[in-house]
C-alpha cells in the first residue's frame, strides 16, 4: 500500500518549518512503516521543539516500550508525571513496568491503585477508558494463568 503523494509533500515541507502536527504525522508514518528508530528520532525532535506538547511524551513512551527499552520508558513516564501528575498513560506504563519487568506485586498494587484513583477522578463515566486501561493488565494475568 502506497502512501499518498500529499504525504510526501508534507514530509518535504517539514524541512522548511517545524509544525508539531506535521511532525507527529511523520512519527505515525514511520511507525506504520515499522521504522521505530525513525519514529523515535522524530518524536524526540518534537519533545525538544515543543516541550509542552504532552502527546509527544506519550508516543515516546509507547515507542520505547515497543523497542523494549524499559529504562527509558520509565524515565519518560516520570518526566511526563512531572508535567501532569495524573497522566493516565504514564501511570499505566509505571504499573506495567512494576508488574511485568520488576515482578513486584506490592508495588504493582500501589501503582494500580494510583491509576484507578486517577481514572475515577478524571473520567468517572468513561467505561471504555476503564476497559482500555485494564486490557493490558488482563492480558498479563491471563498469559500467566496458562
N, C-alpha and C. Protein backbone atom coordinates (compact mmCIF):
# COMPACT_ATOMS: atom_id res chain seq x y z
N UNK A 1 0.84 -1.16 0.00
CA UNK A 1 0.00 0.00 0.00
C UNK A 1 0.89 1.23 0.00
N UNK A 2 0.68 2.13 -0.94
CA UNK A 2 1.49 3.33 -1.06
C UNK A 2 0.83 4.49 -0.34
N UNK A 3 1.66 5.30 0.28
CA UNK A 3 1.15 6.49 0.95
C UNK A 3 0.87 7.55 -0.11
N UNK A 4 -0.14 8.37 0.08
CA UNK A 4 -0.49 9.39 -0.91
C UNK A 4 0.66 10.37 -1.15
N UNK A 5 0.67 10.93 -2.35
CA UNK A 5 1.71 11.88 -2.74
C UNK A 5 1.70 13.09 -1.81
N UNK A 6 0.51 13.47 -1.34
CA UNK A 6 0.41 14.61 -0.43
C UNK A 6 1.25 14.42 0.81
N UNK A 7 1.35 13.17 1.31
CA UNK A 7 2.15 12.91 2.49
C UNK A 7 3.61 13.22 2.19
N UNK A 8 4.07 12.82 1.01
CA UNK A 8 5.45 13.13 0.62
C UNK A 8 5.69 14.62 0.58
N UNK A 9 4.72 15.37 0.07
CA UNK A 9 4.84 16.82 0.04
C UNK A 9 4.86 17.39 1.45
N UNK A 10 4.06 16.83 2.34
CA UNK A 10 4.03 17.28 3.73
C UNK A 10 5.37 17.02 4.39
N UNK A 11 5.94 15.82 4.16
CA UNK A 11 7.23 15.49 4.77
C UNK A 11 8.33 16.40 4.24
N UNK A 12 8.25 16.74 2.96
CA UNK A 12 9.22 17.66 2.38
C UNK A 12 9.07 19.05 3.00
N UNK A 13 7.83 19.47 3.22
CA UNK A 13 7.56 20.77 3.82
C UNK A 13 8.07 20.88 5.24
N UNK A 14 8.28 19.77 5.92
CA UNK A 14 8.77 19.80 7.29
C UNK A 14 10.17 20.38 7.38
N UNK A 15 10.93 20.27 6.30
CA UNK A 15 12.28 20.79 6.31
C UNK A 15 12.28 22.31 6.40
N UNK A 16 11.21 22.92 5.92
CA UNK A 16 11.14 24.37 5.89
C UNK A 16 10.68 24.95 7.23
N UNK A 17 9.75 24.31 7.89
CA UNK A 17 9.15 24.87 9.10
C UNK A 17 8.68 23.74 10.00
N UNK A 18 8.97 23.85 11.29
CA UNK A 18 8.55 22.83 12.24
C UNK A 18 7.08 23.05 12.62
N UNK A 19 6.26 22.07 12.37
CA UNK A 19 4.84 22.07 12.74
C UNK A 19 4.61 20.81 13.56
N UNK A 20 4.15 20.98 14.78
CA UNK A 20 4.01 19.86 15.70
C UNK A 20 3.14 18.76 15.12
N UNK A 21 2.04 19.12 14.45
CA UNK A 21 1.13 18.10 13.95
C UNK A 21 1.70 17.40 12.72
N UNK A 22 2.43 18.14 11.91
CA UNK A 22 3.08 17.51 10.75
C UNK A 22 4.18 16.56 11.23
N UNK A 23 4.92 16.98 12.24
CA UNK A 23 5.96 16.10 12.78
C UNK A 23 5.35 14.84 13.40
N UNK A 24 4.24 15.00 14.10
CA UNK A 24 3.58 13.82 14.68
C UNK A 24 3.03 12.92 13.57
N UNK A 25 2.59 13.52 12.48
CA UNK A 25 2.18 12.73 11.31
C UNK A 25 3.35 11.93 10.78
N UNK A 26 4.51 12.54 10.76
CA UNK A 26 5.72 11.84 10.32
C UNK A 26 6.05 10.68 11.26
N UNK A 27 5.86 10.90 12.56
CA UNK A 27 6.07 9.84 13.55
C UNK A 27 5.15 8.66 13.25
N UNK A 28 3.88 8.95 13.00
CA UNK A 28 2.91 7.88 12.71
C UNK A 28 3.25 7.18 11.40
N UNK A 29 3.73 7.93 10.43
CA UNK A 29 4.13 7.33 9.16
C UNK A 29 5.29 6.35 9.38
N UNK A 30 6.31 6.79 10.12
CA UNK A 30 7.44 5.90 10.41
C UNK A 30 6.97 4.67 11.18
N UNK A 31 6.07 4.87 12.12
CA UNK A 31 5.55 3.75 12.89
C UNK A 31 4.80 2.78 11.98
N UNK A 32 4.02 3.31 11.07
CA UNK A 32 3.28 2.50 10.10
C UNK A 32 4.25 1.66 9.25
N UNK A 33 5.41 2.24 8.95
CA UNK A 33 6.43 1.57 8.15
C UNK A 33 7.32 0.65 9.00
N UNK A 34 7.02 0.55 10.29
CA UNK A 34 7.81 -0.23 11.25
C UNK A 34 9.23 0.30 11.38
N UNK A 35 9.40 1.59 11.12
CA UNK A 35 10.69 2.26 11.29
C UNK A 35 10.64 2.95 12.65
N UNK A 36 10.78 2.15 13.71
CA UNK A 36 10.61 2.67 15.06
C UNK A 36 11.73 3.61 15.46
N UNK A 37 12.95 3.37 14.97
CA UNK A 37 14.04 4.29 15.31
C UNK A 37 13.81 5.65 14.65
N UNK A 38 13.30 5.68 13.43
CA UNK A 38 12.97 6.94 12.77
C UNK A 38 11.84 7.66 13.49
N UNK A 39 10.85 6.89 13.93
CA UNK A 39 9.73 7.47 14.68
C UNK A 39 10.23 8.06 15.99
N UNK A 40 11.11 7.33 16.67
CA UNK A 40 11.64 7.79 17.95
C UNK A 40 12.48 9.05 17.78
N UNK A 41 13.28 9.07 16.74
CA UNK A 41 14.10 10.26 16.47
C UNK A 41 13.21 11.48 16.21
N UNK A 42 12.15 11.30 15.46
CA UNK A 42 11.25 12.40 15.14
C UNK A 42 10.46 12.85 16.36
N UNK A 43 9.99 11.91 17.17
CA UNK A 43 9.23 12.30 18.36
C UNK A 43 10.15 13.01 19.36
N UNK A 44 11.40 12.62 19.41
CA UNK A 44 12.35 13.34 20.27
C UNK A 44 12.54 14.77 19.78
N UNK A 45 12.54 14.96 18.47
CA UNK A 45 12.62 16.30 17.89
C UNK A 45 11.40 17.13 18.32
N UNK A 46 10.22 16.50 18.33
CA UNK A 46 9.01 17.18 18.76
C UNK A 46 9.14 17.59 20.23
N UNK A 47 9.63 16.69 21.07
CA UNK A 47 9.76 16.98 22.50
C UNK A 47 10.71 18.15 22.74
N UNK A 48 11.81 18.19 21.99
CA UNK A 48 12.76 19.29 22.14
C UNK A 48 12.16 20.60 21.64
N UNK A 49 11.47 20.55 20.50
CA UNK A 49 10.91 21.77 19.90
C UNK A 49 9.64 22.25 20.59
N UNK A 50 8.87 21.31 21.12
CA UNK A 50 7.57 21.64 21.75
C UNK A 50 7.47 20.91 23.10
N UNK A 51 8.24 21.35 24.11
CA UNK A 51 8.29 20.62 25.39
C UNK A 51 6.97 20.56 26.15
N UNK A 52 6.02 21.39 25.80
CA UNK A 52 4.72 21.35 26.48
C UNK A 52 3.70 20.48 25.78
N UNK A 53 4.08 19.85 24.67
CA UNK A 53 3.15 19.02 23.89
C UNK A 53 3.18 17.60 24.45
N UNK A 54 2.28 17.31 25.38
CA UNK A 54 2.29 16.03 26.11
C UNK A 54 2.05 14.80 25.25
N UNK A 55 1.25 14.86 24.17
CA UNK A 55 1.09 13.67 23.34
C UNK A 55 2.41 13.14 22.77
N UNK A 56 3.40 14.00 22.61
CA UNK A 56 4.71 13.53 22.13
C UNK A 56 5.38 12.66 23.19
N UNK A 57 5.24 13.01 24.46
CA UNK A 57 5.81 12.20 25.53
C UNK A 57 5.12 10.83 25.58
N UNK A 58 3.81 10.83 25.39
CA UNK A 58 3.06 9.58 25.41
C UNK A 58 3.50 8.68 24.25
N UNK A 59 3.63 9.25 23.06
CA UNK A 59 4.09 8.48 21.90
C UNK A 59 5.51 7.97 22.14
N UNK A 60 6.34 8.81 22.75
CA UNK A 60 7.72 8.43 23.06
C UNK A 60 7.73 7.20 23.97
N UNK A 61 6.89 7.21 25.02
CA UNK A 61 6.80 6.06 25.94
C UNK A 61 6.42 4.80 25.19
N UNK A 62 5.42 4.92 24.34
CA UNK A 62 4.92 3.74 23.62
C UNK A 62 5.95 3.20 22.64
N UNK A 63 6.68 4.09 21.98
CA UNK A 63 7.74 3.65 21.06
C UNK A 63 8.87 2.98 21.83
N UNK A 64 9.26 3.56 22.95
CA UNK A 64 10.31 2.96 23.76
C UNK A 64 9.89 1.58 24.26
N UNK A 65 8.63 1.44 24.63
CA UNK A 65 8.14 0.14 25.07
C UNK A 65 8.15 -0.85 23.91
N UNK A 66 7.78 -0.39 22.72
CA UNK A 66 7.84 -1.24 21.53
C UNK A 66 9.25 -1.74 21.29
N UNK A 67 10.23 -0.86 21.54
CA UNK A 67 11.64 -1.23 21.38
C UNK A 67 12.19 -1.97 22.60
N UNK A 68 11.33 -2.23 23.58
CA UNK A 68 11.65 -2.94 24.82
C UNK A 68 12.74 -2.25 25.63
N UNK A 69 12.74 -0.92 25.58
CA UNK A 69 13.67 -0.12 26.38
C UNK A 69 12.92 0.34 27.63
N UNK A 70 12.84 -0.56 28.61
CA UNK A 70 12.06 -0.30 29.81
C UNK A 70 12.61 0.88 30.60
N UNK A 71 13.93 0.98 30.69
CA UNK A 71 14.54 2.05 31.48
C UNK A 71 14.13 3.42 30.95
N UNK A 72 14.23 3.61 29.65
CA UNK A 72 13.85 4.88 29.05
C UNK A 72 12.33 5.09 29.12
N UNK A 73 11.57 4.00 29.03
CA UNK A 73 10.12 4.11 29.16
C UNK A 73 9.75 4.65 30.54
N UNK A 74 10.38 4.11 31.57
CA UNK A 74 10.13 4.58 32.94
C UNK A 74 10.58 6.03 33.11
N UNK A 75 11.75 6.36 32.56
CA UNK A 75 12.24 7.75 32.65
C UNK A 75 11.26 8.71 32.00
N UNK A 76 10.77 8.37 30.83
CA UNK A 76 9.82 9.23 30.12
C UNK A 76 8.51 9.32 30.90
N UNK A 77 8.08 8.21 31.49
CA UNK A 77 6.86 8.23 32.31
C UNK A 77 7.01 9.19 33.47
N UNK A 78 8.15 9.14 34.12
CA UNK A 78 8.38 10.02 35.26
C UNK A 78 8.48 11.49 34.83
N UNK A 79 9.09 11.75 33.67
CA UNK A 79 9.14 13.13 33.15
C UNK A 79 7.74 13.63 32.85
N UNK A 80 6.91 12.75 32.29
CA UNK A 80 5.54 13.13 31.97
C UNK A 80 4.74 13.41 33.24
N UNK A 81 4.96 12.60 34.27
CA UNK A 81 4.25 12.82 35.53
C UNK A 81 4.69 14.11 36.23
N UNK A 82 5.91 14.56 35.94
CA UNK A 82 6.34 15.86 36.47
C UNK A 82 5.54 16.99 35.83
N UNK A 83 5.15 16.79 34.57
CA UNK A 83 4.37 17.81 33.85
C UNK A 83 2.87 17.68 34.13
N UNK A 84 2.42 16.44 34.34
CA UNK A 84 1.00 16.15 34.58
C UNK A 84 0.94 14.98 35.56
N UNK A 85 0.77 15.29 36.85
CA UNK A 85 0.91 14.27 37.91
C UNK A 85 -0.13 13.16 37.83
N UNK A 86 -1.21 13.37 37.09
CA UNK A 86 -2.26 12.35 36.97
C UNK A 86 -2.37 11.80 35.56
N UNK A 87 -1.29 11.86 34.80
CA UNK A 87 -1.36 11.38 33.42
C UNK A 87 -1.60 9.87 33.42
N UNK A 88 -2.71 9.48 32.83
CA UNK A 88 -3.14 8.07 32.88
C UNK A 88 -2.18 7.15 32.14
N UNK A 89 -1.67 7.58 31.00
CA UNK A 89 -0.75 6.73 30.23
C UNK A 89 0.55 6.50 30.99
N UNK A 90 1.07 7.55 31.62
CA UNK A 90 2.30 7.41 32.39
C UNK A 90 2.08 6.49 33.59
N UNK A 91 0.95 6.65 34.26
CA UNK A 91 0.64 5.77 35.39
C UNK A 91 0.49 4.32 34.94
N UNK A 92 -0.11 4.13 33.77
CA UNK A 92 -0.27 2.77 33.24
C UNK A 92 1.09 2.16 32.92
N UNK A 93 1.98 2.94 32.32
CA UNK A 93 3.32 2.43 31.99
C UNK A 93 4.09 2.04 33.24
N UNK A 94 4.01 2.86 34.28
CA UNK A 94 4.71 2.53 35.52
C UNK A 94 4.13 1.28 36.17
N UNK A 95 2.82 1.11 36.07
CA UNK A 95 2.18 -0.08 36.62
C UNK A 95 2.62 -1.32 35.84
N UNK A 96 2.63 -1.21 34.52
CA UNK A 96 3.09 -2.34 33.69
C UNK A 96 4.54 -2.68 34.00
N UNK A 97 5.36 -1.67 34.19
CA UNK A 97 6.77 -1.91 34.50
C UNK A 97 6.92 -2.67 35.81
N UNK A 98 6.21 -2.21 36.85
CA UNK A 98 6.36 -2.88 38.15
C UNK A 98 5.81 -4.30 38.10
N UNK A 99 4.79 -4.54 37.29
CA UNK A 99 4.20 -5.87 37.19
C UNK A 99 5.00 -6.79 36.29
N UNK A 100 5.30 -6.33 35.07
CA UNK A 100 5.92 -7.19 34.05
C UNK A 100 7.43 -7.28 34.17
N UNK A 101 8.07 -6.18 34.39
CA UNK A 101 9.53 -6.15 34.37
C UNK A 101 10.12 -6.44 35.74
N UNK A 102 9.58 -5.80 36.76
CA UNK A 102 10.13 -5.95 38.11
C UNK A 102 9.53 -7.14 38.85
N UNK A 103 8.28 -7.49 38.53
CA UNK A 103 7.61 -8.59 39.24
C UNK A 103 7.32 -8.26 40.69
N UNK A 104 7.24 -6.99 40.99
CA UNK A 104 7.00 -6.52 42.36
C UNK A 104 5.49 -6.32 42.53
N UNK A 105 4.84 -7.33 43.09
CA UNK A 105 3.39 -7.31 43.19
C UNK A 105 2.89 -6.26 44.18
N UNK A 106 3.62 -6.01 45.24
CA UNK A 106 3.22 -4.98 46.19
C UNK A 106 3.24 -3.61 45.52
N UNK A 107 4.32 -3.30 44.82
CA UNK A 107 4.43 -2.03 44.09
C UNK A 107 3.39 -1.97 42.97
N UNK A 108 3.14 -3.10 42.33
CA UNK A 108 2.14 -3.14 41.26
C UNK A 108 0.76 -2.78 41.79
N UNK A 109 0.42 -3.30 42.95
CA UNK A 109 -0.88 -2.98 43.56
C UNK A 109 -0.95 -1.49 43.89
N UNK A 110 0.14 -0.93 44.41
CA UNK A 110 0.17 0.51 44.72
C UNK A 110 0.02 1.33 43.44
N UNK A 111 0.74 0.95 42.39
CA UNK A 111 0.67 1.66 41.11
C UNK A 111 -0.74 1.54 40.52
N UNK A 112 -1.29 0.35 40.59
CA UNK A 112 -2.64 0.13 40.05
C UNK A 112 -3.67 0.95 40.83
N UNK A 113 -3.50 1.05 42.13
CA UNK A 113 -4.39 1.88 42.95
C UNK A 113 -4.32 3.34 42.52
N UNK A 114 -3.09 3.83 42.26
CA UNK A 114 -2.93 5.21 41.78
C UNK A 114 -3.63 5.40 40.44
N UNK A 115 -3.47 4.43 39.56
CA UNK A 115 -4.09 4.51 38.25
C UNK A 115 -5.62 4.53 38.37
N UNK A 116 -6.16 3.65 39.16
CA UNK A 116 -7.62 3.57 39.33
C UNK A 116 -8.14 4.86 39.97
N UNK A 117 -7.44 5.38 40.97
CA UNK A 117 -7.86 6.64 41.61
C UNK A 117 -7.88 7.77 40.59
N UNK A 118 -6.87 7.84 39.76
CA UNK A 118 -6.82 8.89 38.74
C UNK A 118 -7.93 8.71 37.71
N UNK A 119 -8.19 7.46 37.34
CA UNK A 119 -9.29 7.19 36.41
C UNK A 119 -10.63 7.64 36.99
N UNK A 120 -10.87 7.28 38.23
CA UNK A 120 -12.14 7.62 38.88
C UNK A 120 -12.27 9.13 39.01
N UNK A 121 -11.18 9.80 39.32
CA UNK A 121 -11.21 11.26 39.48
C UNK A 121 -11.40 11.97 38.14
N UNK A 122 -10.65 11.56 37.13
CA UNK A 122 -10.64 12.28 35.86
C UNK A 122 -11.76 11.87 34.91
N UNK A 123 -12.06 10.60 34.87
CA UNK A 123 -13.03 10.08 33.89
C UNK A 123 -13.99 9.09 34.55
N UNK A 124 -14.80 9.53 35.51
CA UNK A 124 -15.64 8.58 36.26
C UNK A 124 -16.71 7.89 35.42
N UNK A 125 -17.08 8.45 34.28
CA UNK A 125 -18.18 7.87 33.49
C UNK A 125 -17.70 7.28 32.17
N UNK A 126 -16.40 7.08 32.02
CA UNK A 126 -15.86 6.57 30.76
C UNK A 126 -15.54 5.08 30.89
N UNK A 127 -16.56 4.26 30.70
CA UNK A 127 -16.36 2.81 30.81
C UNK A 127 -15.36 2.31 29.77
N UNK A 128 -15.39 2.89 28.58
CA UNK A 128 -14.46 2.45 27.54
C UNK A 128 -13.01 2.70 27.96
N UNK A 129 -12.74 3.83 28.57
CA UNK A 129 -11.39 4.12 29.04
C UNK A 129 -10.97 3.15 30.13
N UNK A 130 -11.87 2.84 31.05
CA UNK A 130 -11.56 1.83 32.08
C UNK A 130 -11.22 0.50 31.43
N UNK A 131 -12.00 0.12 30.44
CA UNK A 131 -11.75 -1.13 29.72
C UNK A 131 -10.39 -1.11 29.04
N UNK A 132 -10.10 -0.03 28.31
CA UNK A 132 -8.82 0.06 27.59
C UNK A 132 -7.63 0.05 28.55
N UNK A 133 -7.79 0.72 29.67
CA UNK A 133 -6.70 0.75 30.66
C UNK A 133 -6.49 -0.63 31.30
N UNK A 134 -7.56 -1.37 31.47
CA UNK A 134 -7.43 -2.68 32.12
C UNK A 134 -6.98 -3.78 31.15
N UNK A 135 -7.08 -3.52 29.86
CA UNK A 135 -6.82 -4.55 28.86
C UNK A 135 -5.41 -5.14 28.97
N UNK A 136 -4.40 -4.27 29.11
CA UNK A 136 -3.02 -4.76 29.20
C UNK A 136 -2.82 -5.63 30.44
N UNK A 137 -3.41 -5.24 31.55
CA UNK A 137 -3.24 -6.00 32.78
C UNK A 137 -3.97 -7.34 32.70
N UNK A 138 -5.12 -7.34 32.06
CA UNK A 138 -5.87 -8.58 31.87
C UNK A 138 -5.05 -9.56 31.04
N UNK A 139 -4.41 -9.06 29.98
CA UNK A 139 -3.58 -9.93 29.14
C UNK A 139 -2.41 -10.51 29.93
N UNK A 140 -1.80 -9.70 30.81
CA UNK A 140 -0.68 -10.18 31.62
C UNK A 140 -1.16 -11.29 32.55
N UNK A 141 -2.28 -11.06 33.21
CA UNK A 141 -2.81 -12.05 34.15
C UNK A 141 -3.19 -13.33 33.41
N UNK A 142 -3.86 -13.20 32.28
CA UNK A 142 -4.28 -14.38 31.53
C UNK A 142 -3.09 -15.14 30.95
N UNK A 143 -2.04 -14.45 30.53
CA UNK A 143 -0.87 -15.14 30.00
C UNK A 143 -0.14 -15.90 31.09
N UNK A 144 -0.18 -15.39 32.33
CA UNK A 144 0.44 -16.07 33.45
C UNK A 144 -0.35 -17.27 33.92
N UNK A 145 -1.65 -17.29 33.60
CA UNK A 145 -2.52 -18.38 34.07
C UNK A 145 -2.41 -19.63 33.21
N UNK A 146 -1.89 -19.48 31.98
CA UNK A 146 -1.84 -20.65 31.10
C UNK A 146 -0.57 -21.42 31.18
